[in-house]
């Protein structure tokens, strides 16, 4: 996934960025709402992690504007505001989840995964594809009963395809999901990851749609 983090606390922002990136996601971080507004206009994000108290305004107002504009991008609020009334206000403004600081990074990962599954139309974390058993929550793949080790970026590509069966992902779209803005990407990077996934999971697990991109295999 491509994630936008809107957080002005340096220590927390760095920790969340590192944790989300280690999970195989591309993450861009901004510290002001003006930059957040520019970012969502420039790129298609799969998820926004939003602080409420920013130097140039309220994250809640930003969220309300986004929903009023028709944005359906999932948003998880990250805030120190822990009153029930604050949670209700955040959810009523259009947030998909609400996480109170301080929080454990593993809990954040679980909530990110849960929101992603809901938006993909597949709330069930267990998926079977031929001889593959896939646990989206645990980020684990088993082939004929034996666990297959994937790198974070291999998993990110495979997860995107699994969560959108039948959808065709262009190379550029997959690059956006695993590399942050401004990262230099070699021209054959996606092809290399796809080749490795096929070797590990089976030749038919990912189909190449010539001139278009890739999609999940049918078996």
C-alpha atoms as a PDB file:
ATOM      1  CA  UNK A   1       0.000   0.000   0.000  1.00  0.00           C
ATOM      2  CA  UNK A   2       0.964   3.619  -0.362  1.00  0.00           C
ATOM      3  CA  UNK A   3       0.471   5.415   2.945  1.00  0.00           C
ATOM      4  CA  UNK A   4       0.442   9.114   3.805  1.00  0.00           C
ATOM      5  CA  UNK A   5       1.428   9.926   7.392  1.00  0.00           C
ATOM      6  CA  UNK A   6       0.398  13.375   8.642  1.00  0.00           C
ATOM      7  CA  UNK A   7       2.288  13.758  11.925  1.00  0.00           C
ATOM      8  CA  UNK A   8       4.374  16.646  13.277  1.00  0.00           C
ATOM      9  CA  UNK A   9       5.989  14.804  16.197  1.00  0.00           C
ATOM     10  CA  UNK A  10       9.480  13.941  14.950  1.00  0.00           C
ATOM     11  CA  UNK A  11      10.130  10.893  17.128  1.00  0.00           C
ATOM     12  CA  UNK A  12       6.724   9.319  16.564  1.00  0.00           C
ATOM     13  CA  UNK A  13       6.721  10.195  12.881  1.00  0.00           C
ATOM     14  CA  UNK A  14      10.101   8.563  12.329  1.00  0.00           C
ATOM     15  CA  UNK A  15       9.093   5.443  14.271  1.00  0.00           C
ATOM     16  CA  UNK A  16       5.817   5.014  12.382  1.00  0.00           C
ATOM     17  CA  UNK A  17       7.500   5.594   9.013  1.00  0.00           C
ATOM     18  CA  UNK A  18      10.149   2.995   9.763  1.00  0.00           C
ATOM     19  CA  UNK A  19       7.611   0.457  11.012  1.00  0.00           C
ATOM     20  CA  UNK A  20       5.230   0.895   8.076  1.00  0.00           C
ATOM     21  CA  UNK A  21       8.100   0.742   5.570  1.00  0.00           C
ATOM     22  CA  UNK A  22       9.445  -2.439   7.174  1.00  0.00           C
ATOM     23  CA  UNK A  23       6.036  -4.008   6.538  1.00  0.00           C
ATOM     24  CA  UNK A  24       6.602  -3.422   2.826  1.00  0.00           C
ATOM     25  CA  UNK A  25       4.463  -0.328   2.344  1.00  0.00           C
ATOM     26  CA  UNK A  26       5.501   2.925   0.702  1.00  0.00           C
ATOM     27  CA  UNK A  27       5.085   5.770   3.185  1.00  0.00           C
ATOM     28  CA  UNK A  28       5.295   9.528   2.690  1.00  0.00           C
ATOM     29  CA  UNK A  29       5.312  11.807   5.719  1.00  0.00           C
ATOM     30  CA  UNK A  30       4.250  15.437   6.003  1.00  0.00           C
ATOM     31  CA  UNK A  31       3.992  17.619   9.101  1.00  0.00           C
ATOM     32  CA  UNK A  32       1.461  20.228   7.987  1.00  0.00           C
ATOM     33  CA  UNK A  33      -2.075  20.060   6.617  1.00  0.00           C
ATOM     34  CA  UNK A  34      -1.172  22.255   3.654  1.00  0.00           C
ATOM     35  CA  UNK A  35       1.405  19.672   2.606  1.00  0.00           C
ATOM     36  CA  UNK A  36      -1.090  16.867   3.225  1.00  0.00           C
ATOM     37  CA  UNK A  37      -3.599  18.553   0.914  1.00  0.00           C
ATOM     38  CA  UNK A  38      -0.939  18.896  -1.781  1.00  0.00           C
ATOM     39  CA  UNK A  39       0.112  15.265  -1.350  1.00  0.00           C
ATOM     40  CA  UNK A  40      -3.374  13.791  -1.764  1.00  0.00           C
ATOM     41  CA  UNK A  41      -3.838  15.866  -4.911  1.00  0.00           C
ATOM     42  CA  UNK A  42      -0.555  14.618  -6.356  1.00  0.00           C
ATOM     43  CA  UNK A  43      -0.736  10.898  -5.521  1.00  0.00           C
ATOM     44  CA  UNK A  44      -3.292   8.127  -5.048  1.00  0.00           C
ATOM     45  CA  UNK A  45      -2.898   6.936  -1.466  1.00  0.00           C
ATOM     46  CA  UNK A  46      -4.366   3.710  -0.136  1.00  0.00           C
ATOM     47  CA  UNK A  47      -4.426   4.959   3.458  1.00  0.00           C
ATOM     48  CA  UNK A  48      -3.936   8.158   5.460  1.00  0.00           C
ATOM     49  CA  UNK A  49      -2.634   8.127   9.046  1.00  0.00           C
ATOM     50  CA  UNK A  50      -3.792  11.446  10.460  1.00  0.00           C
ATOM     51  CA  UNK A  51      -2.835  13.356  13.586  1.00  0.00           C
ATOM     52  CA  UNK A  52      -5.495  15.786  14.796  1.00  0.00           C
ATOM     53  CA  UNK A  53      -3.392  18.606  16.217  1.00  0.00           C
ATOM     54  CA  UNK A  54      -1.156  20.006  13.477  1.00  0.00           C
ATOM     55  CA  UNK A  55       0.751  23.320  13.397  1.00  0.00           C
ATOM     56  CA  UNK A  56      -1.499  24.816  10.726  1.00  0.00           C
ATOM     57  CA  UNK A  57      -4.893  23.518  11.778  1.00  0.00           C
ATOM     58  CA  UNK A  58      -7.127  20.658  12.818  1.00  0.00           C
ATOM     59  CA  UNK A  59      -6.801  17.229  11.287  1.00  0.00           C
ATOM     60  CA  UNK A  60     -10.515  16.794  11.899  1.00  0.00           C
ATOM     61  CA  UNK A  61     -11.315  19.747   9.629  1.00  0.00           C
ATOM     62  CA  UNK A  62      -8.996  18.299   6.984  1.00  0.00           C
ATOM     63  CA  UNK A  63     -10.820  14.963   7.194  1.00  0.00           C
ATOM     64  CA  UNK A  64     -14.249  16.593   6.922  1.00  0.00           C
ATOM     65  CA  UNK A  65     -13.141  18.499   3.816  1.00  0.00           C
ATOM     66  CA  UNK A  66     -11.782  15.334   2.214  1.00  0.00           C
ATOM     67  CA  UNK A  67     -15.032  13.465   2.789  1.00  0.00           C
ATOM     68  CA  UNK A  68     -17.074  16.430   1.549  1.00  0.00           C
ATOM     69  CA  UNK A  69     -14.978  16.371  -1.640  1.00  0.00           C
ATOM     70  CA  UNK A  70     -15.947  12.741  -2.126  1.00  0.00           C
ATOM     71  CA  UNK A  71     -12.717  11.073  -1.015  1.00  0.00           C
ATOM     72  CA  UNK A  72     -13.180   7.477   0.129  1.00  0.00           C
ATOM     73  CA  UNK A  73      -9.517   6.877   1.014  1.00  0.00           C
ATOM     74  CA  UNK A  74      -9.431   5.130   4.401  1.00  0.00           C
ATOM     75  CA  UNK A  75      -8.194   7.244   7.312  1.00  0.00           C
ATOM     76  CA  UNK A  76      -6.898   6.139  10.701  1.00  0.00           C
ATOM     77  CA  UNK A  77      -6.681   8.918  13.266  1.00  0.00           C
ATOM     78  CA  UNK A  78      -3.601   8.915  15.525  1.00  0.00           C
ATOM     79  CA  UNK A  79      -4.057  11.294  18.447  1.00  0.00           C
ATOM     80  CA  UNK A  80      -3.528  11.947  22.137  1.00  0.00           C
ATOM     81  CA  UNK A  81      -7.189  12.941  22.495  1.00  0.00           C
ATOM     82  CA  UNK A  82      -8.642  10.041  24.435  1.00  0.00           C
ATOM     83  CA  UNK A  83     -12.121  11.186  25.437  1.00  0.00           C
ATOM     84  CA  UNK A  84     -15.134   9.251  24.170  1.00  0.00           C
ATOM     85  CA  UNK A  85     -16.485  12.482  22.674  1.00  0.00           C
ATOM     86  CA  UNK A  86     -13.253  12.878  20.678  1.00  0.00           C
ATOM     87  CA  UNK A  87     -13.524   9.335  19.319  1.00  0.00           C
ATOM     88  CA  UNK A  88     -17.138   9.889  18.333  1.00  0.00           C
ATOM     89  CA  UNK A  89     -16.265  13.173  16.609  1.00  0.00           C
ATOM     90  CA  UNK A  90     -13.460  11.503  14.665  1.00  0.00           C
ATOM     91  CA  UNK A  91     -15.568   8.581  13.520  1.00  0.00           C
ATOM     92  CA  UNK A  92     -18.486  10.848  12.632  1.00  0.00           C
ATOM     93  CA  UNK A  93     -16.136  13.011  10.561  1.00  0.00           C
ATOM     94  CA  UNK A  94     -15.347   9.973   8.426  1.00  0.00           C
ATOM     95  CA  UNK A  95     -12.431   8.206  10.089  1.00  0.00           C
ATOM     96  CA  UNK A  96     -12.249   4.444   9.654  1.00  0.00           C
ATOM     97  CA  UNK A  97     -10.409   3.868  12.918  1.00  0.00           C
ATOM     98  CA  UNK A  98      -9.145   5.847  15.895  1.00  0.00           C
ATOM     99  CA  UNK A  99      -5.931   5.034  17.744  1.00  0.00           C
ATOM    100  CA  UNK A 100      -4.958   6.860  20.930  1.00  0.00           C
ATOM    101  CA  UNK A 101      -1.329   7.792  21.632  1.00  0.00           C
ATOM    102  CA  UNK A 102       0.804   6.285  22.968  1.00  0.00           C
ATOM    103  CA  UNK A 103       0.148   3.084  21.043  1.00  0.00           C
ATOM    104  CA  UNK A 104       2.054  -0.077  20.245  1.00  0.00           C
ATOM    105  CA  UNK A 105       3.308  -0.189  16.670  1.00  0.00           C
ATOM    106  CA  UNK A 106       2.160  -3.790  16.310  1.00  0.00           C
ATOM    107  CA  UNK A 107      -1.396  -2.662  17.091  1.00  0.00           C
ATOM    108  CA  UNK A 108      -1.091   0.004  14.409  1.00  0.00           C
ATOM    109  CA  UNK A 109      -0.021  -2.685  11.925  1.00  0.00           C
ATOM    110  CA  UNK A 110      -3.033  -4.820  12.824  1.00  0.00           C
ATOM    111  CA  UNK A 111      -5.409  -1.900  12.362  1.00  0.00           C
ATOM    112  CA  UNK A 112      -3.838  -0.953   9.029  1.00  0.00           C
ATOM    113  CA  UNK A 113      -4.276  -4.530   7.817  1.00  0.00           C
ATOM    114  CA  UNK A 114      -7.891  -4.682   9.017  1.00  0.00           C
ATOM    115  CA  UNK A 115      -8.828  -1.418   7.292  1.00  0.00           C
ATOM    116  CA  UNK A 116      -7.107  -2.550   4.090  1.00  0.00           C
ATOM    117  CA  UNK A 117      -9.062  -5.814   4.085  1.00  0.00           C
ATOM    118  CA  UNK A 118     -12.374  -4.032   4.591  1.00  0.00           C
ATOM    119  CA  UNK A 119     -11.739  -1.658   1.704  1.00  0.00           C
ATOM    120  CA  UNK A 120     -10.635  -4.520  -0.521  1.00  0.00           C
ATOM    121  CA  UNK A 121     -14.004  -6.160   0.107  1.00  0.00           C
ATOM    122  CA  UNK A 122     -12.404  -9.132   1.821  1.00  0.00           C
ATOM    123  CA  UNK A 123     -12.669  -8.877   5.614  1.00  0.00           C
ATOM    124  CA  UNK A 124     -11.615 -12.524   5.946  1.00  0.00           C
ATOM    125  CA  UNK A 125      -7.832 -12.659   6.539  1.00  0.00           C
ATOM    126  CA  UNK A 126      -7.648 -16.290   5.345  1.00  0.00           C
ATOM    127  CA  UNK A 127      -7.449 -16.849   1.578  1.00  0.00           C
ATOM    128  CA  UNK A 128      -6.861 -20.079  -0.355  1.00  0.00           C
ATOM    129  CA  UNK A 129      -5.436 -19.989  -3.871  1.00  0.00           C
ATOM    130  CA  UNK A 130      -4.742 -23.420  -5.307  1.00  0.00           C
ATOM    131  CA  UNK A 131      -2.057 -24.987  -3.120  1.00  0.00           C
ATOM    132  CA  UNK A 132      -1.446 -21.676  -1.368  1.00  0.00           C
ATOM    133  CA  UNK A 133      -2.924 -20.777   2.011  1.00  0.00           C
ATOM    134  CA  UNK A 134      -2.600 -17.050   2.660  1.00  0.00           C
ATOM    135  CA  UNK A 135      -2.976 -15.359   6.040  1.00  0.00           C
ATOM    136  CA  UNK A 136      -3.317 -11.642   5.335  1.00  0.00           C
ATOM    137  CA  UNK A 137      -3.348 -10.716   9.019  1.00  0.00           C
ATOM    138  CA  UNK A 138      -0.127 -12.589   9.799  1.00  0.00           C
ATOM    139  CA  UNK A 139       1.450 -11.706   6.425  1.00  0.00           C
ATOM    140  CA  UNK A 140       2.177 -15.383   5.864  1.00  0.00           C
ATOM    141  CA  UNK A 141       1.960 -17.709   2.864  1.00  0.00           C
ATOM    142  CA  UNK A 142       1.981 -21.506   2.999  1.00  0.00           C
ATOM    143  CA  UNK A 143       2.548 -23.650  -0.081  1.00  0.00           C
ATOM    144  CA  UNK A 144       1.407 -27.245   0.288  1.00  0.00           C
ATOM    145  CA  UNK A 145       1.486 -26.741   4.047  1.00  0.00           C
ATOM    146  CA  UNK A 146       4.989 -25.288   4.241  1.00  0.00           C
ATOM    147  CA  UNK A 147       5.600 -21.631   4.980  1.00  0.00           C
ATOM    148  CA  UNK A 148       7.211 -19.601   2.210  1.00  0.00           C
ATOM    149  CA  UNK A 149       9.425 -16.708   3.265  1.00  0.00           C
ATOM    150  CA  UNK A 150       8.790 -13.491   1.341  1.00  0.00           C
ATOM    151  CA  UNK A 151      10.619 -10.193   1.585  1.00  0.00           C
ATOM    152  CA  UNK A 152       8.609  -7.149   2.666  1.00  0.00           C
ATOM    153  CA  UNK A 153       8.346  -5.856  -0.895  1.00  0.00           C
ATOM    154  CA  UNK A 154       7.476  -9.253  -2.332  1.00  0.00           C
ATOM    155  CA  UNK A 155       4.698  -9.487   0.239  1.00  0.00           C
ATOM    156  CA  UNK A 156       3.440  -5.965  -0.557  1.00  0.00           C
ATOM    157  CA  UNK A 157       3.103  -6.820  -4.251  1.00  0.00           C
ATOM    158  CA  UNK A 158       1.488 -10.184  -3.584  1.00  0.00           C
ATOM    159  CA  UNK A 159      -0.886  -8.728  -0.979  1.00  0.00           C
ATOM    160  CA  UNK A 160      -2.078  -6.052  -3.415  1.00  0.00           C
ATOM    161  CA  UNK A 161      -2.899  -8.691  -6.029  1.00  0.00           C
ATOM    162  CA  UNK A 162      -4.586 -11.031  -3.526  1.00  0.00           C
ATOM    163  CA  UNK A 163      -6.776  -8.254  -2.147  1.00  0.00           C
ATOM    164  CA  UNK A 164      -7.945  -7.282  -5.641  1.00  0.00           C
ATOM    165  CA  UNK A 165      -8.456 -10.555  -7.548  1.00  0.00           C
ATOM    166  CA  UNK A 166      -9.074  -9.931 -11.223  1.00  0.00           C
ATOM    167  CA  UNK A 167      -7.725  -6.380 -11.101  1.00  0.00           C
ATOM    168  CA  UNK A 168      -4.797  -5.526 -13.354  1.00  0.00           C
ATOM    169  CA  UNK A 169      -1.959  -3.592 -11.729  1.00  0.00           C
ATOM    170  CA  UNK A 170       0.377  -1.654 -13.983  1.00  0.00           C
ATOM    171  CA  UNK A 171       4.062  -1.624 -13.139  1.00  0.00           C
ATOM    172  CA  UNK A 172       3.790   2.036 -12.139  1.00  0.00           C
ATOM    173  CA  UNK A 173       0.888   1.307  -9.786  1.00  0.00           C
ATOM    174  CA  UNK A 174       2.832  -1.465  -8.062  1.00  0.00           C
ATOM    175  CA  UNK A 175       5.878   0.787  -7.741  1.00  0.00           C
ATOM    176  CA  UNK A 176       3.710   3.391  -6.001  1.00  0.00           C
ATOM    177  CA  UNK A 177       2.641   0.786  -3.458  1.00  0.00           C
ATOM    178  CA  UNK A 178       6.151  -0.219  -2.411  1.00  0.00           C
ATOM    179  CA  UNK A 179       8.295   2.896  -2.890  1.00  0.00           C
ATOM    180  CA  UNK A 180       7.949   6.277  -1.191  1.00  0.00           C
ATOM    181  CA  UNK A 181       7.816   9.499  -3.201  1.00  0.00           C
ATOM    182  CA  UNK A 182      11.216  10.516  -4.548  1.00  0.00           C
ATOM    183  CA  UNK A 183      12.762   7.047  -4.289  1.00  0.00           C
ATOM    184  CA  UNK A 184      14.809   6.069  -7.323  1.00  0.00           C
ATOM    185  CA  UNK A 185      13.474   2.838  -8.806  1.00  0.00           C
ATOM    186  CA  UNK A 186      15.306   0.771 -11.407  1.00  0.00           C
ATOM    187  CA  UNK A 187      13.255   0.064 -14.520  1.00  0.00           C
ATOM    188  CA  UNK A 188      13.110  -3.716 -14.016  1.00  0.00           C
ATOM    189  CA  UNK A 189      12.505  -3.777 -10.255  1.00  0.00           C
ATOM    190  CA  UNK A 190       8.899  -4.982 -10.427  1.00  0.00           C
ATOM    191  CA  UNK A 191       9.783  -7.663 -12.969  1.00  0.00           C
ATOM    192  CA  UNK A 192      12.477  -8.965 -10.612  1.00  0.00           C
ATOM    193  CA  UNK A 193      10.063  -9.148  -7.657  1.00  0.00           C
ATOM    194  CA  UNK A 194       7.394 -10.864  -9.773  1.00  0.00           C
ATOM    195  CA  UNK A 195       9.922 -13.403 -11.049  1.00  0.00           C
ATOM    196  CA  UNK A 196      10.961 -14.235  -7.486  1.00  0.00           C
ATOM    197  CA  UNK A 197       7.342 -14.578  -6.389  1.00  0.00           C
ATOM    198  CA  UNK A 198       6.673 -17.030  -9.208  1.00  0.00           C
ATOM    199  CA  UNK A 199       9.694 -19.111  -8.227  1.00  0.00           C
ATOM    200  CA  UNK A 200       8.580 -19.222  -4.601  1.00  0.00           C
ATOM    201  CA  UNK A 201       4.818 -19.583  -5.036  1.00  0.00           C
ATOM    202  CA  UNK A 202       4.352 -21.177  -8.448  1.00  0.00           C
ATOM    203  CA  UNK A 203       4.622 -20.019 -12.042  1.00  0.00           C
ATOM    204  CA  UNK A 204       0.885 -19.415 -12.406  1.00  0.00           C
ATOM    205  CA  UNK A 205       0.380 -17.360  -9.264  1.00  0.00           C
ATOM    206  CA  UNK A 206       0.825 -14.061 -11.133  1.00  0.00           C
ATOM    207  CA  UNK A 207      -0.328 -13.538 -14.706  1.00  0.00           C
ATOM    208  CA  UNK A 208       1.315 -11.052 -17.051  1.00  0.00           C
ATOM    209  CA  UNK A 209      -1.189  -9.034 -19.068  1.00  0.00           C
ATOM    210  CA  UNK A 210       0.933  -7.935 -21.994  1.00  0.00           C
ATOM    211  CA  UNK A 211       1.087  -4.176 -22.305  1.00  0.00           C
ATOM    212  CA  UNK A 212      -1.073  -3.695 -19.199  1.00  0.00           C
ATOM    213  CA  UNK A 213       0.579  -5.158 -16.123  1.00  0.00           C
ATOM    214  CA  UNK A 214      -0.062  -8.031 -13.735  1.00  0.00           C
ATOM    215  CA  UNK A 215      -2.970  -9.731 -12.026  1.00  0.00           C
ATOM    216  CA  UNK A 216      -3.471 -12.595  -9.608  1.00  0.00           C
ATOM    217  CA  UNK A 217      -3.446 -16.009 -11.277  1.00  0.00           C
ATOM    218  CA  UNK A 218      -6.624 -18.032 -11.441  1.00  0.00           C
ATOM    219  CA  UNK A 219      -5.234 -21.099  -9.689  1.00  0.00           C
END
